[in-house]
Protein backbone atom coordinates (compact mmCIF):
# COMPACT_ATOMS: atom_id res chain seq x y z
CA MET A 1 94.09 87.52 80.76
CA GLN A 2 97.03 89.86 80.16
CA LEU A 3 98.56 91.07 83.44
CA ASP A 4 99.72 94.68 83.84
CA LEU A 5 102.05 94.81 86.65
CA ASN A 6 101.68 98.45 86.92
CA LEU A 7 98.29 97.76 88.32
CA LEU A 8 99.95 96.15 91.42
CA THR A 9 102.01 99.22 92.13
CA ALA A 10 98.87 101.33 91.83
CA LEU A 11 96.88 99.00 93.98
CA ASP A 12 99.54 99.07 96.58
CA ALA A 13 99.48 102.81 96.72
CA LEU A 14 95.76 102.78 96.89
CA LEU A 15 95.49 100.42 99.64
CA GLU A 16 98.04 102.15 101.73
CA GLU A 17 96.84 105.75 101.15
CA GLY A 18 93.12 104.99 101.27
CA SER A 19 92.72 107.90 98.72
CA VAL A 20 92.81 108.30 95.00
CA THR A 21 94.33 111.75 95.37
CA ASP A 22 97.04 110.68 97.79
CA ALA A 23 97.87 107.56 95.69
CA ALA A 24 98.22 109.67 92.65
CA ALA A 25 100.59 112.04 94.44
CA ARG A 26 102.64 109.25 95.75
CA LEU A 27 103.11 107.80 92.27
CA HIS A 28 103.54 111.31 90.63
CA ILE A 29 100.48 110.90 88.25
CA SER A 30 97.38 113.00 87.95
CA THR A 31 94.27 112.21 90.02
CA PRO A 32 92.11 111.43 86.92
CA ALA A 33 94.78 109.01 85.76
CA MET A 34 94.63 107.25 89.19
CA SER A 35 90.79 107.14 88.91
CA ARG A 36 91.04 105.34 85.54
CA THR A 37 93.60 102.97 86.90
CA LEU A 38 91.24 102.19 89.88
CA GLY A 39 88.55 101.44 87.26
CA ARG A 40 90.95 98.99 85.65
CA ILE A 41 91.67 97.38 89.04
CA ARG A 42 88.03 97.01 89.79
CA ARG A 43 87.46 95.25 86.40
CA ALA A 44 90.46 93.02 86.88
CA THR A 45 89.59 92.04 90.42
CA GLY A 46 85.80 92.04 90.12
CA ASP A 47 85.73 94.12 93.40
CA GLN A 48 85.08 97.89 94.16
CA ILE A 49 88.31 97.91 96.25
CA LEU A 50 87.59 101.37 97.68
CA VAL A 51 84.09 102.70 98.24
CA ARG A 52 83.17 106.26 99.10
CA THR A 53 81.98 106.82 102.74
CA GLY A 54 81.16 110.51 103.15
CA ARG A 55 84.33 112.36 102.31
CA THR A 56 86.59 109.36 102.74
CA MET A 57 87.33 106.10 100.84
CA THR A 58 86.72 102.79 102.67
CA PRO A 59 88.45 99.59 101.66
CA THR A 60 86.23 96.58 101.01
CA PRO A 61 86.95 93.26 102.73
CA ARG A 62 88.60 91.94 99.60
CA ALA A 63 90.84 95.02 99.59
CA LEU A 64 91.90 94.41 103.24
CA ALA A 65 92.69 90.83 102.34
CA LEU A 66 94.87 91.86 99.42
CA ARG A 67 96.76 94.66 101.14
CA ALA A 68 99.67 92.55 102.60
CA PRO A 69 100.21 90.15 99.62
CA VAL A 70 100.03 92.89 97.17
CA HIS A 71 102.56 94.94 99.08
CA ASP A 72 104.89 91.89 99.32
CA LEU A 73 104.54 91.33 95.61
CA VAL A 74 105.54 94.84 94.78
CA GLN A 75 108.57 94.73 97.13
CA GLN A 76 109.67 91.48 95.59
CA ALA A 77 109.38 92.83 92.07
CA ARG A 78 111.38 95.91 93.14
CA SER A 79 114.02 93.62 94.73
CA VAL A 80 114.30 91.58 91.39
CA LEU A 81 114.56 94.73 89.16
CA SER A 82 116.82 96.46 91.55
CA PRO A 83 119.49 93.86 92.54
CA HIS A 84 122.13 96.30 93.66
CA THR A 85 121.96 97.20 97.36
CA GLU A 86 124.88 99.46 97.65
CA VAL A 87 124.55 103.36 97.79
CA ASP A 88 127.05 105.94 96.74
CA LEU A 89 127.15 107.94 99.90
CA ALA A 90 129.51 110.63 98.37
CA ALA A 91 126.89 111.32 95.71
CA LEU A 92 123.75 110.92 97.65
CA GLU A 93 121.57 113.91 97.99
CA ARG A 94 118.46 113.35 100.02
CA THR A 95 116.59 115.00 102.91
CA PHE A 96 115.52 112.56 105.82
CA ILE A 97 112.63 113.30 108.06
CA LEU A 98 112.88 112.27 111.71
CA LYS A 99 110.28 112.47 114.38
CA TRP A 100 112.00 111.79 117.66
CA HIS A 101 111.03 112.20 121.20
CA ASP A 102 112.69 115.49 122.26
CA ALA A 103 114.94 113.85 124.88
CA LEU A 104 116.23 111.35 122.26
CA ALA A 105 116.73 114.09 119.60
CA GLY A 106 118.70 116.17 122.12
CA ALA A 107 120.95 113.28 123.35
CA ALA A 108 121.49 111.55 119.87
CA GLY A 109 120.59 114.09 117.28
CA PRO A 110 123.98 115.91 117.09
CA ALA A 111 125.95 112.71 116.84
CA LEU A 112 123.62 111.34 114.17
CA LEU A 113 123.91 114.50 112.04
CA GLN A 114 127.72 114.53 112.32
CA SER A 115 127.87 110.90 111.37
CA LEU A 116 125.69 111.28 108.39
CA ARG A 117 127.32 114.46 107.09
CA ALA A 118 130.78 113.01 107.46
CA GLU A 119 129.82 110.05 105.07
CA ALA A 120 127.22 111.82 102.87
CA PRO A 121 127.81 115.65 102.61
CA GLY A 122 124.70 115.93 100.40
CA VAL A 123 122.31 114.61 103.10
CA ARG A 124 120.15 116.96 105.05
CA VAL A 125 117.94 115.95 108.10
CA ARG A 126 114.75 117.45 109.28
CA PHE A 127 113.97 116.86 112.98
CA LEU A 128 110.26 117.33 113.73
CA ALA A 129 108.82 117.88 117.13
CA GLU A 130 106.34 115.51 118.49
CA ALA A 131 102.92 117.23 118.05
CA GLY A 132 99.88 116.86 120.18
CA THR A 133 98.23 115.30 117.04
CA ASP A 134 99.90 113.20 114.49
CA THR A 135 100.08 115.58 111.46
CA HIS A 136 102.76 113.46 109.98
CA ASP A 137 102.04 109.83 109.64
CA PRO A 138 104.77 107.40 108.72
CA ARG A 139 102.27 105.26 106.78
CA ARG A 140 102.07 108.07 104.32
CA GLY A 141 105.67 108.11 103.75
CA ASP A 142 106.33 111.58 105.02
CA ILE A 143 108.42 110.30 108.07
CA ASP A 144 111.59 108.25 107.50
CA LEU A 145 112.34 107.38 111.08
CA GLU A 146 110.58 107.73 114.51
CA ALA A 147 112.15 107.17 117.76
CA GLY A 148 110.36 107.04 121.09
CA SER A 149 109.01 104.67 123.78
CA ASN A 150 105.72 103.64 122.09
CA GLU A 151 105.63 100.34 120.31
CA PRO A 152 103.83 100.59 116.93
CA SER A 153 100.68 98.75 116.61
CA SER A 154 100.28 99.01 112.71
CA PRO A 155 101.56 95.86 111.01
CA GLU A 156 103.14 97.80 108.08
CA ILE A 157 105.42 99.58 110.65
CA ARG A 158 108.69 97.99 111.24
CA HIS A 159 110.47 98.57 114.60
CA GLU A 160 113.49 97.50 116.65
CA ILE A 161 114.42 98.28 120.45
CA VAL A 162 117.58 100.05 120.34
CA GLY A 163 118.00 100.57 124.07
CA HIS A 164 116.41 101.10 127.45
CA ASP A 165 116.42 103.87 129.97
CA ARG A 166 115.26 104.61 133.51
CA LEU A 167 113.57 107.49 135.28
CA THR A 168 115.47 109.71 137.66
CA LEU A 169 114.12 112.48 139.79
CA ALA A 170 115.62 115.96 138.64
CA LEU A 171 115.65 118.85 141.25
CA ARG A 172 117.59 122.09 141.64
CA PRO A 173 120.72 122.36 143.82
CA GLY A 174 119.78 123.11 147.46
CA HIS A 175 116.27 121.50 147.08
CA PRO A 176 115.17 120.10 150.51
CA LEU A 177 115.02 116.57 148.81
CA CYS A 178 118.75 116.78 147.85
CA HIS A 179 119.98 115.42 151.17
CA GLY A 180 119.34 112.24 153.04
CA PRO A 181 117.33 109.11 152.14
CA LEU A 182 114.37 110.01 149.99
CA THR A 183 111.24 108.38 151.31
CA LEU A 184 108.02 107.85 149.37
CA GLU A 185 106.09 110.12 151.67
CA GLU A 186 108.62 112.97 151.03
CA TYR A 187 108.49 112.28 147.33
CA THR A 188 104.70 112.42 147.15
CA ALA A 189 104.62 115.67 149.33
CA ALA A 190 106.68 117.56 146.81
CA GLU A 191 105.16 119.63 143.92
CA HIS A 192 105.69 117.81 140.62
CA LEU A 193 105.73 118.49 136.90
CA THR A 194 104.70 116.01 134.11
CA VAL A 195 106.21 115.97 130.70
CA SER A 196 103.28 115.68 128.26
CA ARG A 197 103.13 117.21 124.75
CA ARG A 198 99.30 117.14 125.10
CA GLY A 199 99.43 118.83 128.60
CA ARG A 200 98.38 115.94 130.56
CA LEU A 201 98.80 116.16 134.41
CA ARG A 202 98.97 112.42 134.92
CA ASP A 203 101.45 109.86 133.77
CA PRO A 204 102.44 106.20 134.68
CA ILE A 205 103.93 107.24 137.95
CA ASP A 206 100.51 108.26 139.17
CA ASP A 207 99.15 104.80 138.26
CA ALA A 208 102.07 103.15 140.22
CA LEU A 209 101.32 105.46 143.27
CA GLU A 210 97.60 104.79 143.10
CA ALA A 211 98.18 101.05 143.17
CA LEU A 212 99.91 101.75 146.48
CA GLY A 213 97.02 103.83 147.77
CA MET A 214 99.09 106.98 147.39
CA SER A 215 99.04 110.13 145.27
CA ARG A 216 101.21 113.17 144.57
CA GLY A 217 100.62 116.87 143.63
CA VAL A 218 101.06 117.68 140.00
CA VAL A 219 100.94 121.37 139.67
CA ALA A 220 102.02 121.78 135.89
CA ALA A 221 102.60 119.98 132.59
CA SER A 222 105.54 120.70 130.29
CA PRO A 223 105.62 119.77 126.61
CA THR A 224 109.21 118.73 126.61
CA ASN A 225 112.00 117.47 129.01
CA ALA A 226 114.09 120.57 128.23
CA THR A 227 111.30 122.93 129.28
CA ALA A 228 110.50 120.97 132.43
CA LEU A 229 114.07 121.06 133.43
CA GLN A 230 114.08 124.80 133.05
CA PHE A 231 111.11 124.89 135.55
CA VAL A 232 112.99 122.70 137.98
CA ARG A 233 116.08 124.88 137.72
CA HIS A 234 114.33 127.89 139.01
CA THR A 235 111.66 126.53 141.38
CA ASP A 236 111.19 123.75 143.99
CA LEU A 237 109.36 121.68 141.52
CA VAL A 238 110.56 118.22 140.72
CA VAL A 239 110.23 116.13 137.59
CA ALA A 240 110.94 112.49 136.57
CA VAL A 241 113.08 112.33 133.37
CA PRO A 242 114.84 109.47 131.49
CA ARG A 243 118.26 109.42 133.04
CA PHE A 244 120.66 108.39 130.27
CA VAL A 245 119.30 110.49 127.48
CA SER A 246 118.86 113.57 129.75
CA ARG A 247 122.21 113.33 131.32
CA SER A 248 123.98 116.00 129.16
CA LEU A 249 121.07 118.43 129.78
CA LEU A 250 121.03 117.72 133.58
CA ASP A 251 124.83 118.43 133.71
CA ALA A 252 124.58 121.60 131.62
CA LEU A 253 121.88 122.95 133.86
CA GLY A 254 123.67 121.92 137.07
CA LEU A 255 120.77 119.95 138.27
CA ARG A 256 120.78 117.16 140.94
CA THR A 257 119.23 113.78 140.55
CA ARG A 258 117.67 111.24 142.87
CA ASP A 259 116.52 107.76 142.49
CA LEU A 260 112.72 107.34 142.68
CA PRO A 261 111.48 105.86 145.78
CA LEU A 262 109.23 103.42 143.77
CA THR A 263 109.91 100.72 141.17
CA MET A 264 108.82 101.54 137.60
CA PRO A 265 109.12 99.35 134.53
CA ALA A 266 111.93 99.88 132.11
CA ILE A 267 111.75 102.43 129.22
CA PRO A 268 112.05 100.65 125.84
CA VAL A 269 113.49 102.93 123.09
CA TYR A 270 111.95 101.94 119.64
CA LEU A 271 113.23 102.92 116.27
CA THR A 272 110.37 102.66 113.82
CA TRP A 273 110.00 103.04 110.09
CA HIS A 274 107.41 102.13 107.32
CA GLN A 275 107.92 98.70 105.60
CA ARG A 276 108.18 100.51 102.16
CA TYR A 277 111.85 101.41 103.16
CA ASP A 278 112.87 97.92 103.97
CA ASN A 279 114.85 97.52 100.65
CA ASP A 280 115.96 101.23 100.36
CA PRO A 281 119.75 101.17 100.64
CA ALA A 282 119.92 104.76 101.73
CA HIS A 283 117.34 104.18 104.39
CA ALA A 284 119.09 101.07 105.58
CA TRP A 285 122.25 103.10 105.96
CA LEU A 286 120.23 105.78 107.97
CA ARG A 287 118.72 103.14 110.15
CA GLY A 288 122.11 101.79 110.98
CA ARG A 289 123.61 105.04 111.87
CA ALA A 290 120.61 106.10 113.87
CA GLY A 291 120.44 102.77 115.77
CA ALA A 292 124.11 103.28 116.66
CA VAL A 293 123.84 106.70 118.17
CA LEU A 294 120.61 105.82 120.07
CA ARG A 295 122.20 102.74 121.56
CA HIS A 296 125.16 104.94 122.77
CA ALA A 297 122.85 107.52 124.26
CA CYS A 298 120.59 105.04 125.97
CA ASP A 299 123.47 103.02 127.39
CA PRO A 300 121.66 99.67 127.11
CA THR A 301 124.18 97.97 129.42
CA HIS A 302 122.31 99.85 132.30
CA ALA A 303 118.64 98.73 131.67
CA GLY A 304 117.52 99.80 135.04
CA THR A 305 113.91 100.38 136.10
CA ALA A 306 111.94 103.26 134.68
CA SER A 307 108.77 104.35 133.11
CA SER A 308 107.88 105.78 129.78
CA PRO A 309 109.46 109.24 128.77
CA GLU A 310 107.07 109.61 126.00
CA GLY A 311 104.99 112.90 126.60
CA GLU A 312 101.39 112.16 125.86
C-alpha cells in the first residue's frame, strides 16, 4: 500500500470540522475535491468515517478512535518539516482574534495591545464580546485565545490558569450599606444586579445563600460588568464583581466596595486555545504576552475568596 500523507491532513480536518464543506475551507480546496478525498480515505481505512445524519455529518466509532492519533501524527509531521520555532516579529503581519470576558478585556486588553504592537507593528487584534450563544467556536479555528472563568471540557482545547480573583460588592458613595459592619441580613435585604450575558437573574451567590436558608432580591440582569457598574453608580442597586480586574473601572466611576458577608470559592482565570496552535511560534508568542498581562491584572498573589465572574 502506498501511503499518501496528504490524506492524514485531510482526515484531521474532516474529523475536527465534522463537515466536508468546512474541512475544504480550512484546507483552501474546493468542496468537490474534499469529497473525492473523503472517498479515498474511506477506501484506505475501510470505514465510512463520516455518515450523513439529516443535515449534518456524524463520525463513525472508528473515526472517533482515530481523531486523537491522527491529529498527533499531523502535528508531529509539521514539527519535523518546520523545525524553526522563531518568528520574525518585526515582519509579522497577522490578525489575532480574542474572546475574553469583558472584565478581563477591560483590565488587561490595553496592556496586551500595547505590548503586541511594540514588538510586532504589523499585528492587529480583534476583541470579540462574549455572546449569549457561541457563534465563534475555538474548535473551528476562528478564535485564537479565550479568557474567562470556565474550564474547557473539550480534550482538544488547551488551557492554563493565569490567576485568580475574588468578588467584591460594588455600591455608590453614600449608599446605606457603605458604613458600619455589613451583615448578611443587610446584604440580602438590598436590591441586587446579576452580571449575565444571557440575562439570568441567578448566579452562584444565590446557590450559596440558598444553602444557608436565605435568599436575596435580584431586580435586574446586566450583560457586562461595565454596564452593571453604571446602574450601581446611579441607583441604590448593588452588584458583586471581580475585585482585581474591575479595580480601574471601580476607581474611574468613584464607586465604593465592601467585602461580601459570605464565603465564596476563588475565581480561576483560564487562558484557552485550540491544540492546533501548540506549535505555532506566533501564537506561542501571543500566549506568553496574554498570560503576562492577565497575571498582572488578576494579581494572583491575592487569591482570596470569590465566585465566578463569568456572565452566563
